[in-house]
């Protein structure tokens, strides 16, 4: 069950399972104050359309966001020590590299970046867990892109989540996050380098260019980019010295800038990753009238419309949905 919710007064998306201290206090302050029709806190992936309104209650010492319709509840939790120290690790690495960084940075698209690195390439680090599905990750990445940010997702060490290599992502070796690890303690994984390899039966199962037989020409082969620390990634990606490469199969890898140049020379493709819907996820397309274009941005403030409704052109903050009679 999703933990993504929309806090309408600020038109801001929250992950109820990993709230910052301030957001946790905010949600707890809503206990006993929400009524059906207020539309203050909404589930972004309700099981049934229209059953998205939430209220907040405590039970057994825990805080829950509960659906008015039905008894489904979302546990409201503070961020873990691991999440807190990972944010601090990326922040410190970016600052050490001479970049300006901020934690919990809010974009104008309803998303909050765990760490925002202000540099030649504005980079937003997303510290997400395996329960985040590929469609949600692709959607968040696209929203950040529209706000002028390249999202870089940091994966769990235990296993690769469904979004790994569907969007710009980096893993790390297993280390303890009980406290802030020393500098350069986290080794980056999942990075690639492009090498030119001659098209032979020994090198490739089939011709990467789609020819019937192995053509004998050189094609890009993606090899692990080893010996890179997370600290170096925090320095290179914002500086443009490491970039996100999208292959013809729709996979996305962080590579050195020169590897992207080599890929372009070998394939004739740009190879540069541009965020969009996850090509491997089944995303339902809402029905709309012939020739009508859905409004995706608030016409008053420019933020994303996180709730798409027929004829709606303003976000929840600029024009709250009409309250129902009590």
Foldseek 3Di string as FASTA:
>chain_A
DAQWKAQLQVRAIDRQAEAAPVVLVVLVVQAPPDDAQPPRMFDLDDPDPPQTQWGWDDDPNWIWTATPPDGDIDTGHHHDLLLVLVLVLLCVLLVVLVWHKDAQPDFLANYTARMWTDAQATEGEHEDEQVDAQQNVLVVQQSVVVRRYHYEYEYEQPDDHNNAQLGHYWYWHDDDSPDNDDHQPTWIWQAWAWDWDFFDVVVDVADPVPDPHRDRGTAIDIDIDGDHGVSVVSNCDRHVQWAWFADPVSTIHIYGPVRQVVNCVRPVDNRHDDGDGRPVDDDDDDDDDPPDDFAQAAPPSGYGASDTDPPDRHGCNVPNDGGDDD
